Amino acid sequence: MGVMDEIEARTIRKVMWRLLPFLFVCYFVAYLDRVNVGFAKLQMNSALGLSEAAYGLGAGLFFISYFLFEVPSNLALDRFGARLWIARIMLSWGIISALFAFIPSISTATGISTEWVFYILRFLLGIAEAGFFPGIIFYLTLWFPSVYRARVVSLFMLAIPFSSIVGGPISGALLNISGAGLDGWQWLFILEALPSILMAFGVIFYLTDRPAIATWLANDERGWLERRLEDERQHK
């Protein structure tokens, strides 16, 4: 193996171990907040007086707003930078997800029916989370040369089946928690929203915008990665 080959192998290995485990956890947290409404359904529907039709509409509103705001969110990501925008996405969806626990209080305070509060929050959650997955993929392109991207994205996407396997039992267990005047479905929303909010600050302080300012890479590693990515950009 030549010197450049050794630097390449060392750099890619270091970048993968630095970024992928953290982004894997980010996706897992996103998955919990996306699907927890399904686990909360049985308790929540009776507590809020939601019909099956109302629940179905509310659950679907998330995907409508997610679809509508996907492109605007990615334009903002390009403007503000992947790190800050991904942090904004996680913080806003964490806060909105937690608000589902307080639908009865919000309804009482505003005079809006619990049904409509549910609709509004689901729509806002879709807006908040729009752009997260493509944002992660875009962020990975800033760090990995094209020859590595398929492998890296496939490793990251292992988070999808992992989240399904692990997320279900966690959500089911949280439904059994009660206290402080809140039922299990409310604690489910609160406790699964907290990691999103905490991870948002983790994104700001842990992730690095681009290789040029990555102090955790050695000078030769940083130089090699910058040159390789710049060569690819010029080639395009």
C-alpha atoms as a PDB file:
ATOM      1  CA  MET A   1       0.000   0.000   0.000  1.00  0.00           C
ATOM      2  CA  GLY A   2       1.422   3.400  -1.006  1.00  0.00           C
ATOM      3  CA  VAL A   3       1.584   6.445   1.256  1.00  0.00           C
ATOM      4  CA  MET A   4      -1.467   8.042  -0.408  1.00  0.00           C
ATOM      5  CA  ASP A   5      -3.424   4.806  -0.167  1.00  0.00           C
ATOM      6  CA  GLU A   6      -2.609   4.628   3.539  1.00  0.00           C
ATOM      7  CA  ILE A   7      -3.710   8.227   4.089  1.00  0.00           C
ATOM      8  CA  GLU A   8      -6.932   7.583   2.157  1.00  0.00           C
ATOM      9  CA  ALA A   9      -7.795   4.467   4.153  1.00  0.00           C
ATOM     10  CA  ARG A  10      -7.005   6.198   7.452  1.00  0.00           C
ATOM     11  CA  THR A  11      -9.009   9.316   6.562  1.00  0.00           C
ATOM     12  CA  ILE A  12     -12.123   7.508   5.358  1.00  0.00           C
ATOM     13  CA  ARG A  13     -12.081   5.205   8.385  1.00  0.00           C
ATOM     14  CA  LYS A  14     -11.788   8.152  10.766  1.00  0.00           C
ATOM     15  CA  VAL A  15     -14.573  10.133   9.051  1.00  0.00           C
ATOM     16  CA  MET A  16     -16.891   7.113   9.030  1.00  0.00           C
ATOM     17  CA  TRP A  17     -16.414   6.429  12.738  1.00  0.00           C
ATOM     18  CA  ARG A  18     -16.829  10.102  13.552  1.00  0.00           C
ATOM     19  CA  LEU A  19     -20.021  10.728  11.584  1.00  0.00           C
ATOM     20  CA  LEU A  20     -22.014   7.543  10.948  1.00  0.00           C
ATOM     21  CA  PRO A  21     -22.741   6.377  14.536  1.00  0.00           C
ATOM     22  CA  PHE A  22     -23.925   9.873  15.485  1.00  0.00           C
ATOM     23  CA  LEU A  23     -26.113  10.277  12.385  1.00  0.00           C
ATOM     24  CA  PHE A  24     -27.451   6.754  12.962  1.00  0.00           C
ATOM     25  CA  VAL A  25     -28.696   7.843  16.401  1.00  0.00           C
ATOM     26  CA  CYS A  26     -30.183  11.023  14.890  1.00  0.00           C
ATOM     27  CA  TYR A  27     -32.257   8.934  12.486  1.00  0.00           C
ATOM     28  CA  PHE A  28     -33.366   6.595  15.272  1.00  0.00           C
ATOM     29  CA  VAL A  29     -34.617   9.567  17.290  1.00  0.00           C
ATOM     30  CA  ALA A  30     -36.407  10.921  14.213  1.00  0.00           C
ATOM     31  CA  TYR A  31     -38.092   7.570  13.654  1.00  0.00           C
ATOM     32  CA  LEU A  32     -39.439   7.479  17.226  1.00  0.00           C
ATOM     33  CA  ASP A  33     -41.033  10.903  16.890  1.00  0.00           C
ATOM     34  CA  ARG A  34     -42.478  10.039  13.494  1.00  0.00           C
ATOM     35  CA  VAL A  35     -44.263   6.833  14.496  1.00  0.00           C
ATOM     36  CA  ASN A  36     -45.063   7.316  18.193  1.00  0.00           C
ATOM     37  CA  VAL A  37     -48.528   8.628  17.306  1.00  0.00           C
ATOM     38  CA  GLY A  38     -49.383   5.084  16.196  1.00  0.00           C
ATOM     39  CA  PHE A  39     -48.389   3.657  19.588  1.00  0.00           C
ATOM     40  CA  ALA A  40     -50.188   6.449  21.459  1.00  0.00           C
ATOM     41  CA  LYS A  41     -53.352   5.939  19.400  1.00  0.00           C
ATOM     42  CA  LEU A  42     -55.375   3.616  21.644  1.00  0.00           C
ATOM     43  CA  GLN A  43     -54.953   5.668  24.790  1.00  0.00           C
ATOM     44  CA  MET A  44     -54.917   9.034  23.024  1.00  0.00           C
ATOM     45  CA  ASN A  45     -58.042   8.528  20.919  1.00  0.00           C
ATOM     46  CA  SER A  46     -60.208   7.774  23.937  1.00  0.00           C
ATOM     47  CA  ALA A  47     -58.617  10.564  26.024  1.00  0.00           C
ATOM     48  CA  LEU A  48     -59.139  13.185  23.296  1.00  0.00           C
ATOM     49  CA  GLY A  49     -62.379  11.789  21.894  1.00  0.00           C
ATOM     50  CA  LEU A  50     -60.884  11.305  18.428  1.00  0.00           C
ATOM     51  CA  SER A  51     -62.749   9.153  15.930  1.00  0.00           C
ATOM     52  CA  GLU A  52     -60.924   6.740  13.644  1.00  0.00           C
ATOM     53  CA  ALA A  53     -61.495   9.137  10.741  1.00  0.00           C
ATOM     54  CA  ALA A  54     -60.114  12.107  12.689  1.00  0.00           C
ATOM     55  CA  TYR A  55     -57.064  10.136  13.744  1.00  0.00           C
ATOM     56  CA  GLY A  56     -56.452   8.931  10.181  1.00  0.00           C
ATOM     57  CA  LEU A  57     -56.679  12.465   8.807  1.00  0.00           C
ATOM     58  CA  GLY A  58     -54.335  13.813  11.457  1.00  0.00           C
ATOM     59  CA  ALA A  59     -51.832  11.025  10.947  1.00  0.00           C
ATOM     60  CA  GLY A  60     -51.834  11.671   7.187  1.00  0.00           C
ATOM     61  CA  LEU A  61     -51.422  15.450   7.490  1.00  0.00           C
ATOM     62  CA  PHE A  62     -47.820  14.896   8.587  1.00  0.00           C
ATOM     63  CA  PHE A  63     -46.911  13.406   5.209  1.00  0.00           C
ATOM     64  CA  ILE A  64     -48.686  16.164   3.266  1.00  0.00           C
ATOM     65  CA  SER A  65     -46.735  18.959   4.948  1.00  0.00           C
ATOM     66  CA  TYR A  66     -43.545  16.874   4.856  1.00  0.00           C
ATOM     67  CA  PHE A  67     -43.963  16.538   1.085  1.00  0.00           C
ATOM     68  CA  LEU A  68     -44.830  20.212   0.513  1.00  0.00           C
ATOM     69  CA  PHE A  69     -41.892  21.579   2.504  1.00  0.00           C
ATOM     70  CA  GLU A  70     -39.226  19.075   1.435  1.00  0.00           C
ATOM     71  CA  VAL A  71     -37.803  21.275  -1.346  1.00  0.00           C
ATOM     72  CA  PRO A  72     -37.983  24.607   0.580  1.00  0.00           C
ATOM     73  CA  SER A  73     -36.248  22.926   3.510  1.00  0.00           C
ATOM     74  CA  ASN A  74     -33.443  21.695   1.287  1.00  0.00           C
ATOM     75  CA  LEU A  75     -33.001  25.140  -0.241  1.00  0.00           C
ATOM     76  CA  ALA A  76     -32.664  26.535   3.286  1.00  0.00           C
ATOM     77  CA  LEU A  77     -30.197  23.756   4.106  1.00  0.00           C
ATOM     78  CA  ASP A  78     -28.035  24.818   1.188  1.00  0.00           C
ATOM     79  CA  ARG A  79     -28.169  28.435   2.333  1.00  0.00           C
ATOM     80  CA  PHE A  80     -27.614  28.046   6.087  1.00  0.00           C
ATOM     81  CA  GLY A  81     -25.405  24.951   6.051  1.00  0.00           C
ATOM     82  CA  ALA A  82     -26.255  21.339   6.753  1.00  0.00           C
ATOM     83  CA  ARG A  83     -25.144  21.336  10.396  1.00  0.00           C
ATOM     84  CA  LEU A  84     -27.234  24.308  11.527  1.00  0.00           C
ATOM     85  CA  TRP A  85     -30.261  23.296   9.478  1.00  0.00           C
ATOM     86  CA  ILE A  86     -30.262  19.691  10.693  1.00  0.00           C
ATOM     87  CA  ALA A  87     -30.030  21.032  14.275  1.00  0.00           C
ATOM     88  CA  ARG A  88     -32.969  23.367  13.590  1.00  0.00           C
ATOM     89  CA  ILE A  89     -35.003  20.486  12.189  1.00  0.00           C
ATOM     90  CA  MET A  90     -34.364  18.292  15.247  1.00  0.00           C
ATOM     91  CA  LEU A  91     -35.038  21.063  17.772  1.00  0.00           C
ATOM     92  CA  SER A  92     -38.309  22.184  16.179  1.00  0.00           C
ATOM     93  CA  TRP A  93     -39.715  18.692  15.699  1.00  0.00           C
ATOM     94  CA  GLY A  94     -38.735  17.756  19.269  1.00  0.00           C
ATOM     95  CA  ILE A  95     -40.633  20.713  20.697  1.00  0.00           C
ATOM     96  CA  ILE A  96     -43.692  20.111  18.501  1.00  0.00           C
ATOM     97  CA  SER A  97     -43.685  16.385  19.289  1.00  0.00           C
ATOM     98  CA  ALA A  98     -43.667  17.145  23.019  1.00  0.00           C
ATOM     99  CA  LEU A  99     -46.655  19.485  22.581  1.00  0.00           C
ATOM    100  CA  PHE A 100     -48.828  16.489  21.623  1.00  0.00           C
ATOM    101  CA  ALA A 101     -48.787  15.528  25.305  1.00  0.00           C
ATOM    102  CA  PHE A 102     -50.517  18.813  26.143  1.00  0.00           C
ATOM    103  CA  ILE A 103     -53.278  18.778  23.528  1.00  0.00           C
ATOM    104  CA  PRO A 104     -56.038  18.940  26.220  1.00  0.00           C
ATOM    105  CA  SER A 105     -54.372  21.965  27.867  1.00  0.00           C
ATOM    106  CA  ILE A 106     -53.786  23.713  24.526  1.00  0.00           C
ATOM    107  CA  SER A 107     -57.412  23.080  23.559  1.00  0.00           C
ATOM    108  CA  THR A 108     -58.685  24.534  26.854  1.00  0.00           C
ATOM    109  CA  ALA A 109     -56.412  27.571  26.620  1.00  0.00           C
ATOM    110  CA  THR A 110     -57.197  28.419  22.982  1.00  0.00           C
ATOM    111  CA  GLY A 111     -60.787  27.240  22.654  1.00  0.00           C
ATOM    112  CA  ILE A 112     -59.791  25.134  19.637  1.00  0.00           C
ATOM    113  CA  SER A 113     -61.178  21.598  19.690  1.00  0.00           C
ATOM    114  CA  THR A 114     -58.786  18.780  20.601  1.00  0.00           C
ATOM    115  CA  GLU A 115     -59.363  17.380  17.123  1.00  0.00           C
ATOM    116  CA  TRP A 116     -58.112  20.534  15.429  1.00  0.00           C
ATOM    117  CA  VAL A 117     -55.179  20.934  17.814  1.00  0.00           C
ATOM    118  CA  PHE A 118     -54.176  17.391  16.811  1.00  0.00           C
ATOM    119  CA  TYR A 119     -54.482  18.283  13.108  1.00  0.00           C
ATOM    120  CA  ILE A 120     -52.432  21.488  13.496  1.00  0.00           C
ATOM    121  CA  LEU A 121     -49.645  19.803  15.452  1.00  0.00           C
ATOM    122  CA  ARG A 122     -49.380  16.929  12.960  1.00  0.00           C
ATOM    123  CA  PHE A 123     -49.149  19.409  10.078  1.00  0.00           C
ATOM    124  CA  LEU A 124     -46.503  21.441  11.923  1.00  0.00           C
ATOM    125  CA  LEU A 125     -44.549  18.286  12.723  1.00  0.00           C
ATOM    126  CA  GLY A 126     -44.352  17.492   9.006  1.00  0.00           C
ATOM    127  CA  ILE A 127     -43.059  21.007   8.278  1.00  0.00           C
ATOM    128  CA  ALA A 128     -40.489  20.717  11.070  1.00  0.00           C
ATOM    129  CA  GLU A 129     -39.144  17.340   9.945  1.00  0.00           C
ATOM    130  CA  ALA A 130     -39.165  18.047   6.197  1.00  0.00           C
ATOM    131  CA  GLY A 131     -35.715  17.885   4.699  1.00  0.00           C
ATOM    132  CA  PHE A 132     -34.144  15.782   7.453  1.00  0.00           C
ATOM    133  CA  PHE A 133     -33.317  12.631   5.480  1.00  0.00           C
ATOM    134  CA  PRO A 134     -32.088  14.380   2.297  1.00  0.00           C
ATOM    135  CA  GLY A 135     -30.246  16.814   4.558  1.00  0.00           C
ATOM    136  CA  ILE A 136     -28.294  13.939   6.078  1.00  0.00           C
ATOM    137  CA  ILE A 137     -27.539  12.529   2.612  1.00  0.00           C
ATOM    138  CA  PHE A 138     -26.356  15.964   1.427  1.00  0.00           C
ATOM    139  CA  TYR A 139     -24.162  16.291   4.525  1.00  0.00           C
ATOM    140  CA  LEU A 140     -22.523  12.948   3.764  1.00  0.00           C
ATOM    141  CA  THR A 141     -21.626  14.153   0.244  1.00  0.00           C
ATOM    142  CA  LEU A 142     -19.600  16.957   1.859  1.00  0.00           C
ATOM    143  CA  TRP A 143     -17.388  14.394   3.549  1.00  0.00           C
ATOM    144  CA  PHE A 144     -17.114  11.340   1.311  1.00  0.00           C
ATOM    145  CA  PRO A 145     -15.711  11.087  -2.235  1.00  0.00           C
ATOM    146  CA  SER A 146     -18.186   9.639  -4.738  1.00  0.00           C
ATOM    147  CA  VAL A 147     -16.611   6.175  -4.755  1.00  0.00           C
ATOM    148  CA  TYR A 148     -17.525   5.752  -1.072  1.00  0.00           C
ATOM    149  CA  ARG A 149     -20.995   7.305  -1.058  1.00  0.00           C
ATOM    150  CA  ALA A 150     -23.094   4.271  -1.976  1.00  0.00           C
ATOM    151  CA  ARG A 151     -21.444   2.262   0.796  1.00  0.00           C
ATOM    152  CA  VAL A 152     -21.833   5.056   3.356  1.00  0.00           C
ATOM    153  CA  VAL A 153     -25.486   5.744   2.520  1.00  0.00           C
ATOM    154  CA  SER A 154     -26.297   2.028   2.703  1.00  0.00           C
ATOM    155  CA  LEU A 155     -24.664   1.824   6.133  1.00  0.00           C
ATOM    156  CA  PHE A 156     -26.631   4.866   7.289  1.00  0.00           C
ATOM    157  CA  MET A 157     -29.877   3.362   5.982  1.00  0.00           C
ATOM    158  CA  LEU A 158     -29.408   0.362   8.253  1.00  0.00           C
ATOM    159  CA  ALA A 159     -30.868   2.765  10.809  1.00  0.00           C
ATOM    160  CA  ILE A 160     -34.310   2.230   9.217  1.00  0.00           C
ATOM    161  CA  PRO A 161     -34.774  -1.486  10.073  1.00  0.00           C
ATOM    162  CA  PHE A 162     -32.878  -1.017  13.360  1.00  0.00           C
ATOM    163  CA  SER A 163     -35.288   1.755  14.367  1.00  0.00           C
ATOM    164  CA  SER A 164     -38.289  -0.442  13.554  1.00  0.00           C
ATOM    165  CA  ILE A 165     -36.957  -3.335  15.620  1.00  0.00           C
ATOM    166  CA  VAL A 166     -35.861  -1.333  18.666  1.00  0.00           C
ATOM    167  CA  GLY A 167     -38.292   1.598  18.546  1.00  0.00           C
ATOM    168  CA  GLY A 168     -41.470  -0.483  18.883  1.00  0.00           C
ATOM    169  CA  PRO A 169     -40.661  -2.103  22.249  1.00  0.00           C
ATOM    170  CA  ILE A 170     -39.416   1.230  23.639  1.00  0.00           C
ATOM    171  CA  SER A 171     -42.619   3.031  22.661  1.00  0.00           C
ATOM    172  CA  GLY A 172     -44.741   0.180  24.020  1.00  0.00           C
ATOM    173  CA  ALA A 173     -42.925   0.263  27.362  1.00  0.00           C
ATOM    174  CA  LEU A 174     -43.309   4.036  27.712  1.00  0.00           C
ATOM    175  CA  LEU A 175     -47.102   3.702  27.462  1.00  0.00           C
ATOM    176  CA  ASN A 176     -47.057   2.064  30.903  1.00  0.00           C
ATOM    177  CA  ILE A 177     -45.600   5.153  32.587  1.00  0.00           C
ATOM    178  CA  SER A 178     -47.959   7.468  34.452  1.00  0.00           C
ATOM    179  CA  GLY A 179     -47.614  10.214  37.027  1.00  0.00           C
ATOM    180  CA  ALA A 180     -47.674  13.995  37.532  1.00  0.00           C
ATOM    181  CA  GLY A 181     -51.251  13.989  36.241  1.00  0.00           C
ATOM    182  CA  LEU A 182     -50.192  12.641  32.841  1.00  0.00           C
ATOM    183  CA  ASP A 183     -51.177   9.352  31.213  1.00  0.00           C
ATOM    184  CA  GLY A 184     -48.904   6.910  29.400  1.00  0.00           C
ATOM    185  CA  TRP A 185     -49.571   8.341  25.937  1.00  0.00           C
ATOM    186  CA  GLN A 186     -48.578  11.810  27.160  1.00  0.00           C
ATOM    187  CA  TRP A 187     -45.342  10.553  28.733  1.00  0.00           C
ATOM    188  CA  LEU A 188     -44.631   8.740  25.472  1.00  0.00           C
ATOM    189  CA  PHE A 189     -44.632  12.009  23.534  1.00  0.00           C
ATOM    190  CA  ILE A 190     -42.593  13.873  26.173  1.00  0.00           C
ATOM    191  CA  LEU A 191     -39.911  11.246  26.771  1.00  0.00           C
ATOM    192  CA  GLU A 192     -39.416  10.520  23.074  1.00  0.00           C
ATOM    193  CA  ALA A 193     -39.192  14.243  22.261  1.00  0.00           C
ATOM    194  CA  LEU A 194     -36.412  14.959  24.750  1.00  0.00           C
ATOM    195  CA  PRO A 195     -33.683  13.039  22.834  1.00  0.00           C
ATOM    196  CA  SER A 196     -34.493  15.050  19.690  1.00  0.00           C
ATOM    197  CA  ILE A 197     -34.051  18.329  21.545  1.00  0.00           C
ATOM    198  CA  LEU A 198     -30.796  17.164  23.166  1.00  0.00           C
ATOM    199  CA  MET A 199     -29.458  15.761  19.881  1.00  0.00           C
ATOM    200  CA  ALA A 200     -30.102  19.122  18.202  1.00  0.00           C
ATOM    201  CA  PHE A 201     -27.485  20.681  20.476  1.00  0.00           C
ATOM    202  CA  GLY A 202     -25.274  17.653  19.870  1.00  0.00           C
ATOM    203  CA  VAL A 203     -25.456  18.331  16.123  1.00  0.00           C
ATOM    204  CA  ILE A 204     -24.256  21.912  16.627  1.00  0.00           C
ATOM    205  CA  PHE A 205     -21.335  21.028  18.886  1.00  0.00           C
ATOM    206  CA  TYR A 206     -20.341  17.590  17.540  1.00  0.00           C
ATOM    207  CA  LEU A 207     -20.726  17.801  13.758  1.00  0.00           C
ATOM    208  CA  THR A 208     -18.348  19.849  11.610  1.00  0.00           C
ATOM    209  CA  ASP A 209     -19.539  21.795   8.566  1.00  0.00           C
ATOM    210  CA  ARG A 210     -16.755  20.756   6.184  1.00  0.00           C
ATOM    211  CA  PRO A 211     -13.388  18.992   6.107  1.00  0.00           C
ATOM    212  CA  ALA A 212     -11.376  22.240   5.960  1.00  0.00           C
ATOM    213  CA  ILE A 213     -12.226  23.026   9.604  1.00  0.00           C
ATOM    214  CA  ALA A 214     -12.145  19.463  10.967  1.00  0.00           C
ATOM    215  CA  THR A 215      -9.613  19.742  13.803  1.00  0.00           C
ATOM    216  CA  TRP A 216     -10.153  16.051  14.576  1.00  0.00           C
ATOM    217  CA  LEU A 217      -8.415  15.122  11.308  1.00  0.00           C
ATOM    218  CA  ALA A 218      -4.627  15.204  10.983  1.00  0.00           C
ATOM    219  CA  ASN A 219      -3.178  17.740   8.551  1.00  0.00           C
ATOM    220  CA  ASP A 220      -2.331  15.123   5.918  1.00  0.00           C
ATOM    221  CA  GLU A 221      -5.806  13.551   6.231  1.00  0.00           C
ATOM    222  CA  ARG A 222      -7.560  16.913   5.953  1.00  0.00           C
ATOM    223  CA  GLY A 223      -5.419  17.918   2.986  1.00  0.00           C
ATOM    224  CA  TRP A 224      -6.047  14.677   1.128  1.00  0.00           C
ATOM    225  CA  LEU A 225      -9.827  14.831   1.669  1.00  0.00           C
ATOM    226  CA  GLU A 226     -10.085  18.484   0.605  1.00  0.00           C
ATOM    227  CA  ARG A 227      -8.078  17.862  -2.575  1.00  0.00           C
ATOM    228  CA  ARG A 228     -10.070  14.761  -3.484  1.00  0.00           C
ATOM    229  CA  LEU A 229     -13.449  16.447  -3.013  1.00  0.00           C
ATOM    230  CA  GLU A 230     -12.300  19.589  -4.836  1.00  0.00           C
ATOM    231  CA  ASP A 231     -11.041  17.506  -7.788  1.00  0.00           C
ATOM    232  CA  GLU A 232     -14.463  15.863  -8.040  1.00  0.00           C
ATOM    233  CA  ARG A 233     -16.241  19.228  -7.924  1.00  0.00           C
ATOM    234  CA  GLN A 234     -14.046  20.611 -10.697  1.00  0.00           C
ATOM    235  CA  HIS A 235     -14.518  17.469 -12.761  1.00  0.00           C
ATOM    236  CA  LYS A 236     -18.287  17.907 -12.552  1.00  0.00           C
END
